[in-house]
Amino acid sequence: MKLKEVIATLNLNVFTCKQYLEKEVEGGYVSDLLSDVLGNAKADQIWITLQTHKNIVAIAHLKGLSAVVLVKGLVPNQDTIQKAEEEKIVLLGSEKQTFDLVGEMTVLFSQNKEKIS
């Protein structure tokens, strides 16, 4: 599924790298612990977190993630935005709580797998 489809369906805000919304997304990973994401997230996943500092960009870059979604209306600070643009990391935002967003994303990816099968 294309990142732009996920953004449109889940009504996500785009903070950085609008030119990279054609990226493929293979699923998602949810954690607020950077070490957990580093150890367990897979390339081409979307990472959902409430962390907003620039270290999320480094983790997303190292893991080859498709995007990072900030929940609860959180907004990245200017240092994070600048680093994300430099590293070509798409930062997104949602007003939703983590639980609600993950539920919607799970349904979206399940429907997409059914279409492919």
PDB file of N, CA and C in Angstrom:
ATOM      1  N   MET A   1       0.837  -1.160   0.000  1.00  0.00           N
ATOM      2  CA  MET A   1       0.000   0.000   0.000  1.00  0.00           C
ATOM      3  C   MET A   1       0.894   1.238   0.000  1.00  0.00           C
ATOM      4  N   LYS A   2       0.498   2.241  -0.717  1.00  0.00           N
ATOM      5  CA  LYS A   2       1.264   3.493  -0.763  1.00  0.00           C
ATOM      6  C   LYS A   2       1.002   4.323   0.500  1.00  0.00           C
ATOM      7  N   LEU A   3       2.027   5.027   0.932  1.00  0.00           N
ATOM      8  CA  LEU A   3       1.929   5.887   2.097  1.00  0.00           C
ATOM      9  C   LEU A   3       0.822   6.915   1.918  1.00  0.00           C
ATOM     10  N   LYS A   4       0.686   7.462   0.718  1.00  0.00           N
ATOM     11  CA  LYS A   4      -0.340   8.487   0.490  1.00  0.00           C
ATOM     12  C   LYS A   4      -1.750   7.931   0.706  1.00  0.00           C
ATOM     13  N   GLU A   5      -1.956   6.646   0.452  1.00  0.00           N
ATOM     14  CA  GLU A   5      -3.254   6.018   0.700  1.00  0.00           C
ATOM     15  C   GLU A   5      -3.537   5.926   2.198  1.00  0.00           C
ATOM     16  N   VAL A   6      -2.519   5.580   2.966  1.00  0.00           N
ATOM     17  CA  VAL A   6      -2.657   5.511   4.416  1.00  0.00           C
ATOM     18  C   VAL A   6      -2.983   6.894   4.968  1.00  0.00           C
ATOM     19  N   ILE A   7      -2.278   7.892   4.486  1.00  0.00           N
ATOM     20  CA  ILE A   7      -2.478   9.269   4.947  1.00  0.00           C
ATOM     21  C   ILE A   7      -3.907   9.724   4.669  1.00  0.00           C
ATOM     22  N   ALA A   8      -4.375   9.489   3.452  1.00  0.00           N
ATOM     23  CA  ALA A   8      -5.720   9.918   3.075  1.00  0.00           C
ATOM     24  C   ALA A   8      -6.792   9.176   3.868  1.00  0.00           C
ATOM     25  N   THR A   9      -6.645   7.881   4.009  1.00  0.00           N
ATOM     26  CA  THR A   9      -7.653   7.071   4.691  1.00  0.00           C
ATOM     27  C   THR A   9      -7.732   7.390   6.177  1.00  0.00           C
ATOM     28  N   LEU A  10      -6.591   7.604   6.801  1.00  0.00           N
ATOM     29  CA  LEU A  10      -6.558   7.844   8.247  1.00  0.00           C
ATOM     30  C   LEU A  10      -6.544   9.327   8.603  1.00  0.00           C
ATOM     31  N   ASN A  11      -6.620  10.186   7.578  1.00  0.00           N
ATOM     32  CA  ASN A  11      -6.661  11.636   7.783  1.00  0.00           C
ATOM     33  C   ASN A  11      -5.460  12.136   8.602  1.00  0.00           C
ATOM     34  N   LEU A  12      -4.265  11.767   8.155  1.00  0.00           N
ATOM     35  CA  LEU A  12      -3.040  12.144   8.853  1.00  0.00           C
ATOM     36  C   LEU A  12      -2.498  13.478   8.336  1.00  0.00           C
ATOM     37  N   ASN A  13      -1.864  14.217   9.217  1.00  0.00           N
ATOM     38  CA  ASN A  13      -1.182  15.457   8.838  1.00  0.00           C
ATOM     39  C   ASN A  13       0.223  15.111   8.360  1.00  0.00           C
ATOM     40  N   VAL A  14       0.698  15.822   7.356  1.00  0.00           N
ATOM     41  CA  VAL A  14       2.052  15.609   6.844  1.00  0.00           C
ATOM     42  C   VAL A  14       2.920  16.782   7.296  1.00  0.00           C
ATOM     43  N   PHE A  15       3.946  16.492   8.104  1.00  0.00           N
ATOM     44  CA  PHE A  15       4.851  17.523   8.602  1.00  0.00           C
ATOM     45  C   PHE A  15       6.084  17.688   7.722  1.00  0.00           C
ATOM     46  N   THR A  16       6.563  16.604   7.134  1.00  0.00           N
ATOM     47  CA  THR A  16       7.812  16.676   6.361  1.00  0.00           C
ATOM     48  C   THR A  16       7.734  15.789   5.123  1.00  0.00           C
ATOM     49  N   CYS A  17       8.604  16.097   4.180  1.00  0.00           N
ATOM     50  CA  CYS A  17       8.908  15.237   3.031  1.00  0.00           C
ATOM     51  C   CYS A  17       7.682  14.829   2.207  1.00  0.00           C
ATOM     52  N   LYS A  18       6.875  15.806   1.838  1.00  0.00           N
ATOM     53  CA  LYS A  18       5.675  15.529   1.044  1.00  0.00           C
ATOM     54  C   LYS A  18       6.010  14.885  -0.302  1.00  0.00           C
ATOM     55  N   GLN A  19       7.231  15.039  -0.744  1.00  0.00           N
ATOM     56  CA  GLN A  19       7.643  14.471  -2.030  1.00  0.00           C
ATOM     57  C   GLN A  19       7.875  12.962  -1.965  1.00  0.00           C
ATOM     58  N   TYR A  20       7.805  12.359  -0.779  1.00  0.00           N
ATOM     59  CA  TYR A  20       8.075  10.925  -0.628  1.00  0.00           C
ATOM     60  C   TYR A  20       6.833  10.112  -0.250  1.00  0.00           C
ATOM     61  N   LEU A  21       5.676  10.572  -0.579  1.00  0.00           N
ATOM     62  CA  LEU A  21       4.442   9.907  -0.170  1.00  0.00           C
ATOM     63  C   LEU A  21       4.073   8.717  -1.050  1.00  0.00           C
ATOM     64  N   GLU A  22       4.888   8.438  -2.063  1.00  0.00           N
ATOM     65  CA  GLU A  22       4.678   7.257  -2.911  1.00  0.00           C
ATOM     66  C   GLU A  22       5.349   6.014  -2.326  1.00  0.00           C
ATOM     67  N   LYS A  23       6.010   6.169  -1.182  1.00  0.00           N
ATOM     68  CA  LYS A  23       6.680   5.034  -0.539  1.00  0.00           C
ATOM     69  C   LYS A  23       5.685   3.922  -0.253  1.00  0.00           C
ATOM     70  N   GLU A  24       6.173   2.701  -0.316  1.00  0.00           N
ATOM     71  CA  GLU A  24       5.361   1.534   0.033  1.00  0.00           C
ATOM     72  C   GLU A  24       5.372   1.339   1.547  1.00  0.00           C
ATOM     73  N   VAL A  25       4.253   0.876   2.073  1.00  0.00           N
ATOM     74  CA  VAL A  25       4.126   0.581   3.495  1.00  0.00           C
ATOM     75  C   VAL A  25       3.755  -0.885   3.641  1.00  0.00           C
ATOM     76  N   GLU A  26       4.491  -1.590   4.472  1.00  0.00           N
ATOM     77  CA  GLU A  26       4.291  -3.032   4.659  1.00  0.00           C
ATOM     78  C   GLU A  26       3.685  -3.382   6.004  1.00  0.00           C
ATOM     79  N   GLY A  27       3.264  -2.387   6.761  1.00  0.00           N
ATOM     80  CA  GLY A  27       2.690  -2.643   8.076  1.00  0.00           C
ATOM     81  C   GLY A  27       3.086  -1.559   9.043  1.00  0.00           C
ATOM     82  N   GLY A  28       2.890  -1.823  10.303  1.00  0.00           N
ATOM     83  CA  GLY A  28       3.193  -0.813  11.306  1.00  0.00           C
ATOM     84  C   GLY A  28       3.860  -1.387  12.535  1.00  0.00           C
ATOM     85  N   TYR A  29       4.440  -0.498  13.316  1.00  0.00           N
ATOM     86  CA  TYR A  29       5.060  -0.863  14.583  1.00  0.00           C
ATOM     87  C   TYR A  29       4.725   0.228  15.583  1.00  0.00           C
ATOM     88  N   VAL A  30       4.379  -0.155  16.799  1.00  0.00           N
ATOM     89  CA  VAL A  30       3.976   0.795  17.830  1.00  0.00           C
ATOM     90  C   VAL A  30       4.877   0.635  19.038  1.00  0.00           C
ATOM     91  N   SER A  31       5.551   1.705  19.412  1.00  0.00           N
ATOM     92  CA  SER A  31       6.353   1.703  20.631  1.00  0.00           C
ATOM     93  C   SER A  31       6.836   3.116  20.895  1.00  0.00           C
ATOM     94  N   ASP A  32       7.024   3.423  22.168  1.00  0.00           N
ATOM     95  CA  ASP A  32       7.606   4.701  22.547  1.00  0.00           C
ATOM     96  C   ASP A  32       9.040   4.541  23.050  1.00  0.00           C
ATOM     97  N   LEU A  33       9.530   3.305  23.046  1.00  0.00           N
ATOM     98  CA  LEU A  33      10.912   3.037  23.446  1.00  0.00           C
ATOM     99  C   LEU A  33      11.792   2.931  22.205  1.00  0.00           C
ATOM    100  N   LEU A  34      12.750   3.825  22.079  1.00  0.00           N
ATOM    101  CA  LEU A  34      13.609   3.833  20.894  1.00  0.00           C
ATOM    102  C   LEU A  34      14.358   2.514  20.742  1.00  0.00           C
ATOM    103  N   SER A  35      14.823   1.957  21.834  1.00  0.00           N
ATOM    104  CA  SER A  35      15.574   0.698  21.745  1.00  0.00           C
ATOM    105  C   SER A  35      14.685  -0.441  21.247  1.00  0.00           C
ATOM    106  N   ASP A  36      13.420  -0.416  21.610  1.00  0.00           N
ATOM    107  CA  ASP A  36      12.481  -1.430  21.144  1.00  0.00           C
ATOM    108  C   ASP A  36      12.273  -1.320  19.639  1.00  0.00           C
ATOM    109  N   VAL A  37      12.093  -0.113  19.166  1.00  0.00           N
ATOM    110  CA  VAL A  37      11.913   0.102  17.727  1.00  0.00           C
ATOM    111  C   VAL A  37      13.175  -0.308  16.986  1.00  0.00           C
ATOM    112  N   LEU A  38      14.316   0.080  17.497  1.00  0.00           N
ATOM    113  CA  LEU A  38      15.584  -0.279  16.873  1.00  0.00           C
ATOM    114  C   LEU A  38      15.748  -1.794  16.780  1.00  0.00           C
ATOM    115  N   GLY A  39      15.323  -2.490  17.794  1.00  0.00           N
ATOM    116  CA  GLY A  39      15.494  -3.938  17.813  1.00  0.00           C
ATOM    117  C   GLY A  39      14.423  -4.729  17.082  1.00  0.00           C
ATOM    118  N   ASN A  40      13.242  -4.138  16.864  1.00  0.00           N
ATOM    119  CA  ASN A  40      12.131  -4.952  16.381  1.00  0.00           C
ATOM    120  C   ASN A  40      11.361  -4.431  15.165  1.00  0.00           C
ATOM    121  N   ALA A  41      11.401  -3.159  14.896  1.00  0.00           N
ATOM    122  CA  ALA A  41      10.680  -2.637  13.729  1.00  0.00           C
ATOM    123  C   ALA A  41      11.347  -3.144  12.457  1.00  0.00           C
ATOM    124  N   LYS A  42      10.552  -3.231  11.398  1.00  0.00           N
ATOM    125  CA  LYS A  42      11.074  -3.719  10.108  1.00  0.00           C
ATOM    126  C   LYS A  42      10.996  -2.614   9.064  1.00  0.00           C
ATOM    127  N   ALA A  43      11.874  -2.699   8.090  1.00  0.00           N
ATOM    128  CA  ALA A  43      11.883  -1.718   6.993  1.00  0.00           C
ATOM    129  C   ALA A  43      10.503  -1.643   6.356  1.00  0.00           C
ATOM    130  N   ASP A  44      10.169  -0.476   5.893  1.00  0.00           N
ATOM    131  CA  ASP A  44       8.916  -0.180   5.189  1.00  0.00           C
ATOM    132  C   ASP A  44       7.688  -0.207   6.089  1.00  0.00           C
ATOM    133  N   GLN A  45       7.875  -0.221   7.393  1.00  0.00           N
ATOM    134  CA  GLN A  45       6.752  -0.096   8.306  1.00  0.00           C
ATOM    135  C   GLN A  45       6.549   1.374   8.676  1.00  0.00           C
ATOM    136  N   ILE A  46       5.354   1.659   9.195  1.00  0.00           N
ATOM    137  CA  ILE A  46       5.067   2.962   9.788  1.00  0.00           C
ATOM    138  C   ILE A  46       5.233   2.796  11.294  1.00  0.00           C
ATOM    139  N   TRP A  47       5.960   3.716  11.903  1.00  0.00           N
ATOM    140  CA  TRP A  47       6.173   3.690  13.346  1.00  0.00           C
ATOM    141  C   TRP A  47       5.216   4.688  13.987  1.00  0.00           C
ATOM    142  N   ILE A  48       4.430   4.232  14.954  1.00  0.00           N
ATOM    143  CA  ILE A  48       3.504   5.085  15.688  1.00  0.00           C
ATOM    144  C   ILE A  48       4.074   5.322  17.078  1.00  0.00           C
ATOM    145  N   THR A  49       4.175   6.605  17.464  1.00  0.00           N
ATOM    146  CA  THR A  49       4.804   6.956  18.738  1.00  0.00           C
ATOM    147  C   THR A  49       4.297   8.297  19.244  1.00  0.00           C
ATOM    148  N   LEU A  50       4.567   8.576  20.513  1.00  0.00           N
ATOM    149  CA  LEU A  50       4.323   9.907  21.044  1.00  0.00           C
ATOM    150  C   LEU A  50       5.633  10.683  21.236  1.00  0.00           C
ATOM    151  N   GLN A  51       6.744  10.087  20.875  1.00  0.00           N
ATOM    152  CA  GLN A  51       8.042  10.771  20.940  1.00  0.00           C
ATOM    153  C   GLN A  51       8.125  11.824  19.833  1.00  0.00           C
ATOM    154  N   THR A  52       8.661  12.990  20.145  1.00  0.00           N
ATOM    155  CA  THR A  52       8.745  14.065  19.154  1.00  0.00           C
ATOM    156  C   THR A  52      10.161  14.599  18.927  1.00  0.00           C
ATOM    157  N   HIS A  53      11.117  14.126  19.681  1.00  0.00           N
ATOM    158  CA  HIS A  53      12.485  14.643  19.583  1.00  0.00           C
ATOM    159  C   HIS A  53      13.198  14.072  18.346  1.00  0.00           C
ATOM    160  N   LYS A  54      14.321  14.659  17.998  1.00  0.00           N
ATOM    161  CA  LYS A  54      14.983  14.293  16.740  1.00  0.00           C
ATOM    162  C   LYS A  54      15.590  12.895  16.720  1.00  0.00           C
ATOM    163  N   ASN A  55      15.712  12.234  17.845  1.00  0.00           N
ATOM    164  CA  ASN A  55      16.227  10.858  17.842  1.00  0.00           C
ATOM    165  C   ASN A  55      15.295   9.899  17.107  1.00  0.00           C
ATOM    166  N   ILE A  56      14.009  10.235  16.996  1.00  0.00           N
ATOM    167  CA  ILE A  56      13.093   9.373  16.244  1.00  0.00           C
ATOM    168  C   ILE A  56      13.481   9.330  14.769  1.00  0.00           C
ATOM    169  N   VAL A  57      14.054  10.420  14.292  1.00  0.00           N
ATOM    170  CA  VAL A  57      14.486  10.479  12.892  1.00  0.00           C
ATOM    171  C   VAL A  57      15.657   9.530  12.669  1.00  0.00           C
ATOM    172  N   ALA A  58      16.589   9.513  13.592  1.00  0.00           N
ATOM    173  CA  ALA A  58      17.748   8.624  13.476  1.00  0.00           C
ATOM    174  C   ALA A  58      17.303   7.159  13.456  1.00  0.00           C
ATOM    175  N   ILE A  59      16.382   6.806  14.323  1.00  0.00           N
ATOM    176  CA  ILE A  59      15.890   5.420  14.373  1.00  0.00           C
ATOM    177  C   ILE A  59      15.159   5.079  13.075  1.00  0.00           C
ATOM    178  N   ALA A  60      14.292   5.969  12.624  1.00  0.00           N
ATOM    179  CA  ALA A  60      13.544   5.729  11.381  1.00  0.00           C
ATOM    180  C   ALA A  60      14.484   5.563  10.200  1.00  0.00           C
ATOM    181  N   HIS A  61      15.533   6.358  10.167  1.00  0.00           N
ATOM    182  CA  HIS A  61      16.516   6.274   9.076  1.00  0.00           C
ATOM    183  C   HIS A  61      17.276   4.941   9.133  1.00  0.00           C
ATOM    184  N   LEU A  62      17.759   4.586  10.316  1.00  0.00           N
ATOM    185  CA  LEU A  62      18.510   3.334  10.477  1.00  0.00           C
ATOM    186  C   LEU A  62      17.678   2.109  10.099  1.00  0.00           C
ATOM    187  N   LYS A  63      16.396   2.126  10.425  1.00  0.00           N
ATOM    188  CA  LYS A  63      15.517   0.980  10.187  1.00  0.00           C
ATOM    189  C   LYS A  63      14.865   0.997   8.804  1.00  0.00           C
ATOM    190  N   GLY A  64      15.003   2.087   8.064  1.00  0.00           N
ATOM    191  CA  GLY A  64      14.386   2.169   6.742  1.00  0.00           C
ATOM    192  C   GLY A  64      12.868   2.217   6.811  1.00  0.00           C
ATOM    193  N   LEU A  65      12.344   2.908   7.817  1.00  0.00           N
ATOM    194  CA  LEU A  65      10.897   2.988   7.994  1.00  0.00           C
ATOM    195  C   LEU A  65      10.271   3.910   6.950  1.00  0.00           C
ATOM    196  N   SER A  66       9.031   3.631   6.601  1.00  0.00           N
ATOM    197  CA  SER A  66       8.319   4.449   5.611  1.00  0.00           C
ATOM    198  C   SER A  66       7.927   5.798   6.174  1.00  0.00           C
ATOM    199  N   ALA A  67       7.584   5.846   7.452  1.00  0.00           N
ATOM    200  CA  ALA A  67       7.160   7.100   8.079  1.00  0.00           C
ATOM    201  C   ALA A  67       7.080   6.922   9.581  1.00  0.00           C
ATOM    202  N   VAL A  68       6.987   8.056  10.270  1.00  0.00           N
ATOM    203  CA  VAL A  68       6.754   8.082  11.702  1.00  0.00           C
ATOM    204  C   VAL A  68       5.476   8.879  11.925  1.00  0.00           C
ATOM    205  N   VAL A  69       4.551   8.320  12.702  1.00  0.00           N
ATOM    206  CA  VAL A  69       3.298   9.010  13.007  1.00  0.00           C
ATOM    207  C   VAL A  69       3.286   9.396  14.482  1.00  0.00           C
ATOM    208  N   LEU A  70       3.113  10.684  14.737  1.00  0.00           N
ATOM    209  CA  LEU A  70       2.975  11.191  16.096  1.00  0.00           C
ATOM    210  C   LEU A  70       1.497  11.238  16.441  1.00  0.00           C
ATOM    211  N   VAL A  71       1.144  10.779  17.616  1.00  0.00           N
ATOM    212  CA  VAL A  71      -0.257  10.674  18.031  1.00  0.00           C
ATOM    213  C   VAL A  71      -0.657  11.819  18.965  1.00  0.00           C
ATOM    214  N   LYS A  72      -1.939  11.849  19.313  1.00  0.00           N
ATOM    215  CA  LYS A  72      -2.500  12.767  20.314  1.00  0.00           C
ATOM    216  C   LYS A  72      -2.309  14.239  19.979  1.00  0.00           C
ATOM    217  N   GLY A  73      -2.187  14.570  18.702  1.00  0.00           N
ATOM    218  CA  GLY A  73      -2.020  15.964  18.314  1.00  0.00           C
ATOM    219  C   GLY A  73      -0.634  16.519  18.561  1.00  0.00           C
ATOM    220  N   LEU A  74       0.316  15.658  18.893  1.00  0.00           N
ATOM    221  CA  LEU A  74       1.687  16.111  19.137  1.00  0.00           C
ATOM    222  C   LEU A  74       2.322  16.586  17.830  1.00  0.00           C
ATOM    223  N   VAL A  75       3.187  17.575  17.951  1.00  0.00           N
ATOM    224  CA  VAL A  75       3.840  18.180  16.792  1.00  0.00           C
ATOM    225  C   VAL A  75       5.352  18.112  17.001  1.00  0.00           C
ATOM    226  N   PRO A  76       6.100  17.743  15.951  1.00  0.00           N
ATOM    227  CA  PRO A  76       7.559  17.695  16.111  1.00  0.00           C
ATOM    228  C   PRO A  76       8.130  19.096  16.279  1.00  0.00           C
ATOM    229  N   ASN A  77       9.208  19.186  17.071  1.00  0.00           N
ATOM    230  CA  ASN A  77       9.853  20.493  17.215  1.00  0.00           C
ATOM    231  C   ASN A  77      10.669  20.811  15.960  1.00  0.00           C
ATOM    232  N   GLN A  78      11.148  22.021  15.867  1.00  0.00           N
ATOM    233  CA  GLN A  78      11.836  22.470  14.653  1.00  0.00           C
ATOM    234  C   GLN A  78      13.096  21.664  14.364  1.00  0.00           C
ATOM    235  N   ASP A  79      13.844  21.271  15.395  1.00  0.00           N
ATOM    236  CA  ASP A  79      15.043  20.438  15.198  1.00  0.00           C
ATOM    237  C   ASP A  79      14.679  19.096  14.571  1.00  0.00           C
ATOM    238  N   THR A  80      13.576  18.522  15.018  1.00  0.00           N
ATOM    239  CA  THR A  80      13.121  17.235  14.486  1.00  0.00           C
ATOM    240  C   THR A  80      12.691  17.381  13.031  1.00  0.00           C
ATOM    241  N   ILE A  81      11.961  18.431  12.729  1.00  0.00           N
ATOM    242  CA  ILE A  81      11.534  18.684  11.348  1.00  0.00           C
ATOM    243  C   ILE A  81      12.735  18.858  10.435  1.00  0.00           C
ATOM    244  N   GLN A  82      13.692  19.656  10.867  1.00  0.00           N
ATOM    245  CA  GLN A  82      14.896  19.901  10.055  1.00  0.00           C
ATOM    246  C   GLN A  82      15.664  18.596   9.807  1.00  0.00           C
ATOM    247  N   LYS A  83      15.849  17.801  10.846  1.00  0.00           N
ATOM    248  CA  LYS A  83      16.581  16.538  10.711  1.00  0.00           C
ATOM    249  C   LYS A  83      15.815  15.571   9.804  1.00  0.00           C
ATOM    250  N   ALA A  84      14.492  15.526   9.921  1.00  0.00           N
ATOM    251  CA  ALA A  84      13.680  14.645   9.078  1.00  0.00           C
ATOM    252  C   ALA A  84      13.799  15.044   7.605  1.00  0.00           C
ATOM    253  N   GLU A  85      13.789  16.316   7.316  1.00  0.00           N
ATOM    254  CA  GLU A  85      13.949  16.776   5.929  1.00  0.00           C
ATOM    255  C   GLU A  85      15.326  16.375   5.397  1.00  0.00           C
ATOM    256  N   GLU A  86      16.359  16.542   6.208  1.00  0.00           N
ATOM    257  CA  GLU A  86      17.722  16.171   5.805  1.00  0.00           C
ATOM    258  C   GLU A  86      17.834  14.676   5.517  1.00  0.00           C
ATOM    259  N   GLU A  87      17.195  13.851   6.350  1.00  0.00           N
ATOM    260  CA  GLU A  87      17.306  12.395   6.240  1.00  0.00           C
ATOM    261  C   GLU A  87      16.204  11.779   5.373  1.00  0.00           C
ATOM    262  N   LYS A  88      15.322  12.633   4.827  1.00  0.00           N
ATOM    263  CA  LYS A  88      14.215  12.183   3.959  1.00  0.00           C
ATOM    264  C   LYS A  88      13.261  11.237   4.692  1.00  0.00           C
ATOM    265  N   ILE A  89      12.919  11.599   5.923  1.00  0.00           N
ATOM    266  CA  ILE A  89      11.996  10.822   6.741  1.00  0.00           C
ATOM    267  C   ILE A  89      10.646  11.548   6.780  1.00  0.00           C
ATOM    268  N   VAL A  90       9.604  10.842   6.405  1.00  0.00           N
ATOM    269  CA  VAL A  90       8.255  11.409   6.440  1.00  0.00           C
ATOM    270  C   VAL A  90       7.742  11.384   7.877  1.00  0.00           C
ATOM    271  N   LEU A  91       7.417  12.573   8.392  1.00  0.00           N
ATOM    272  CA  LEU A  91       6.807  12.685   9.712  1.00  0.00           C
ATOM    273  C   LEU A  91       5.344  13.047   9.526  1.00  0.00           C
ATOM    274  N   LEU A  92       4.488  12.296  10.190  1.00  0.00           N
ATOM    275  CA  LEU A  92       3.046  12.485  10.089  1.00  0.00           C
ATOM    276  C   LEU A  92       2.476  12.711  11.484  1.00  0.00           C
ATOM    277  N   GLY A  93       1.246  13.183  11.528  1.00  0.00           N
ATOM    278  CA  GLY A  93       0.597  13.398  12.813  1.00  0.00           C
ATOM    279  C   GLY A  93      -0.859  13.012  12.779  1.00  0.00           C
ATOM    280  N   SER A  94      -1.365  12.669  13.961  1.00  0.00           N
ATOM    281  CA  SER A  94      -2.773  12.333  14.123  1.00  0.00           C
ATOM    282  C   SER A  94      -3.265  12.929  15.435  1.00  0.00           C
ATOM    283  N   GLU A  95      -4.510  13.366  15.428  1.00  0.00           N
ATOM    284  CA  GLU A  95      -5.145  13.855  16.653  1.00  0.00           C
ATOM    285  C   GLU A  95      -5.597  12.689  17.529  1.00  0.00           C
ATOM    286  N   LYS A  96      -5.636  11.502  16.972  1.00  0.00           N
ATOM    287  CA  LYS A  96      -6.187  10.334  17.659  1.00  0.00           C
ATOM    288  C   LYS A  96      -5.238   9.802  18.735  1.00  0.00           C
ATOM    289  N   GLN A  97      -5.830   9.093  19.692  1.00  0.00           N
ATOM    290  CA  GLN A  97      -5.054   8.357  20.679  1.00  0.00           C
ATOM    291  C   GLN A  97      -4.393   7.169  19.989  1.00  0.00           C
ATOM    292  N   THR A  98      -3.312   6.694  20.524  1.00  0.00           N
ATOM    293  CA  THR A  98      -2.580   5.576  19.938  1.00  0.00           C
ATOM    294  C   THR A  98      -3.484   4.364  19.715  1.00  0.00           C
ATOM    295  N   PHE A  99      -4.251   3.996  20.705  1.00  0.00           N
ATOM    296  CA  PHE A  99      -5.123   2.827  20.620  1.00  0.00           C
ATOM    297  C   PHE A  99      -6.073   2.929  19.426  1.00  0.00           C
ATOM    298  N   ASP A 100      -6.705   4.078  19.277  1.00  0.00           N
ATOM    299  CA  ASP A 100      -7.665   4.276  18.196  1.00  0.00           C
ATOM    300  C   ASP A 100      -6.995   4.249  16.826  1.00  0.00           C
ATOM    301  N   LEU A 101      -5.858   4.907  16.706  1.00  0.00           N
ATOM    302  CA  LEU A 101      -5.146   4.943  15.431  1.00  0.00           C
ATOM    303  C   LEU A 101      -4.665   3.544  15.033  1.00  0.00           C
ATOM    304  N   VAL A 102      -4.127   2.817  15.965  1.00  0.00           N
ATOM    305  CA  VAL A 102      -3.651   1.462  15.676  1.00  0.00           C
ATOM    306  C   VAL A 102      -4.816   0.572  15.235  1.00  0.00           C
ATOM    307  N   GLY A 103      -5.944   0.708  15.884  1.00  0.00           N
ATOM    308  CA  GLY A 103      -7.114  -0.068  15.490  1.00  0.00           C
ATOM    309  C   GLY A 103      -7.525   0.231  14.055  1.00  0.00           C
ATOM    310  N   GLU A 104      -7.586   1.498  13.698  1.00  0.00           N
ATOM    311  CA  GLU A 104      -7.949   1.886  12.334  1.00  0.00           C
ATOM    312  C   GLU A 104      -6.916   1.403  11.323  1.00  0.00           C
ATOM    313  N   MET A 105      -5.642   1.492  11.690  1.00  0.00           N
ATOM    314  CA  MET A 105      -4.592   1.055  10.779  1.00  0.00           C
ATOM    315  C   MET A 105      -4.633  -0.459  10.584  1.00  0.00           C
ATOM    316  N   THR A 106      -4.937  -1.186  11.638  1.00  0.00           N
ATOM    317  CA  THR A 106      -5.056  -2.635  11.536  1.00  0.00           C
ATOM    318  C   THR A 106      -6.164  -3.026  10.571  1.00  0.00           C
ATOM    319  N   VAL A 107      -7.296  -2.380  10.670  1.00  0.00           N
ATOM    320  CA  VAL A 107      -8.409  -2.644   9.756  1.00  0.00           C
ATOM    321  C   VAL A 107      -8.004  -2.303   8.326  1.00  0.00           C
ATOM    322  N   LEU A 108      -7.363  -1.160   8.138  1.00  0.00           N
ATOM    323  CA  LEU A 108      -6.933  -0.724   6.804  1.00  0.00           C
ATOM    324  C   LEU A 108      -5.997  -1.747   6.162  1.00  0.00           C
ATOM    325  N   PHE A 109      -5.016  -2.205   6.911  1.00  0.00           N
ATOM    326  CA  PHE A 109      -4.062  -3.169   6.346  1.00  0.00           C
ATOM    327  C   PHE A 109      -4.694  -4.535   6.135  1.00  0.00           C
ATOM    328  N   SER A 110      -5.635  -4.912   6.982  1.00  0.00           N
ATOM    329  CA  SER A 110      -6.343  -6.179   6.778  1.00  0.00           C
ATOM    330  C   SER A 110      -7.169  -6.133   5.504  1.00  0.00           C
ATOM    331  N   GLN A 111      -7.844  -5.037   5.263  1.00  0.00           N
ATOM    332  CA  GLN A 111      -8.644  -4.884   4.036  1.00  0.00           C
ATOM    333  C   GLN A 111      -7.757  -4.895   2.808  1.00  0.00           C
ATOM    334  N   ASN A 112      -6.605  -4.262   2.907  1.00  0.00           N
ATOM    335  CA  ASN A 112      -5.683  -4.214   1.778  1.00  0.00           C
ATOM    336  C   ASN A 112      -5.146  -5.595   1.448  1.00  0.00           C
ATOM    337  N   LYS A 113      -4.843  -6.413   2.455  1.00  0.00           N
ATOM    338  CA  LYS A 113      -4.350  -7.776   2.226  1.00  0.00           C
ATOM    339  C   LYS A 113      -5.421  -8.627   1.553  1.00  0.00           C
ATOM    340  N   GLU A 114      -6.674  -8.412   1.916  1.00  0.00           N
ATOM    341  CA  GLU A 114      -7.772  -9.152   1.297  1.00  0.00           C
ATOM    342  C   GLU A 114      -7.891  -8.822  -0.189  1.00  0.00           C
ATOM    343  N   LYS A 115      -7.645  -7.560  -0.548  1.00  0.00           N
ATOM    344  CA  LYS A 115      -7.715  -7.140  -1.942  1.00  0.00           C
ATOM    345  C   LYS A 115      -6.601  -7.787  -2.769  1.00  0.00           C
ATOM    346  N   ILE A 116      -5.419  -7.927  -2.147  1.00  0.00           N
ATOM    347  CA  ILE A 116      -4.256  -8.471  -2.835  1.00  0.00           C
ATOM    348  C   ILE A 116      -4.403  -9.981  -3.010  1.00  0.00           C
ATOM    349  N   SER A 117      -4.996 -10.665  -2.043  1.00  0.00           N
ATOM    350  CA  SER A 117      -5.102 -12.124  -2.067  1.00  0.00           C
ATOM    351  C   SER A 117      -5.996 -12.631  -3.162  1.00  0.00           C
TER     352      SER A 117
END
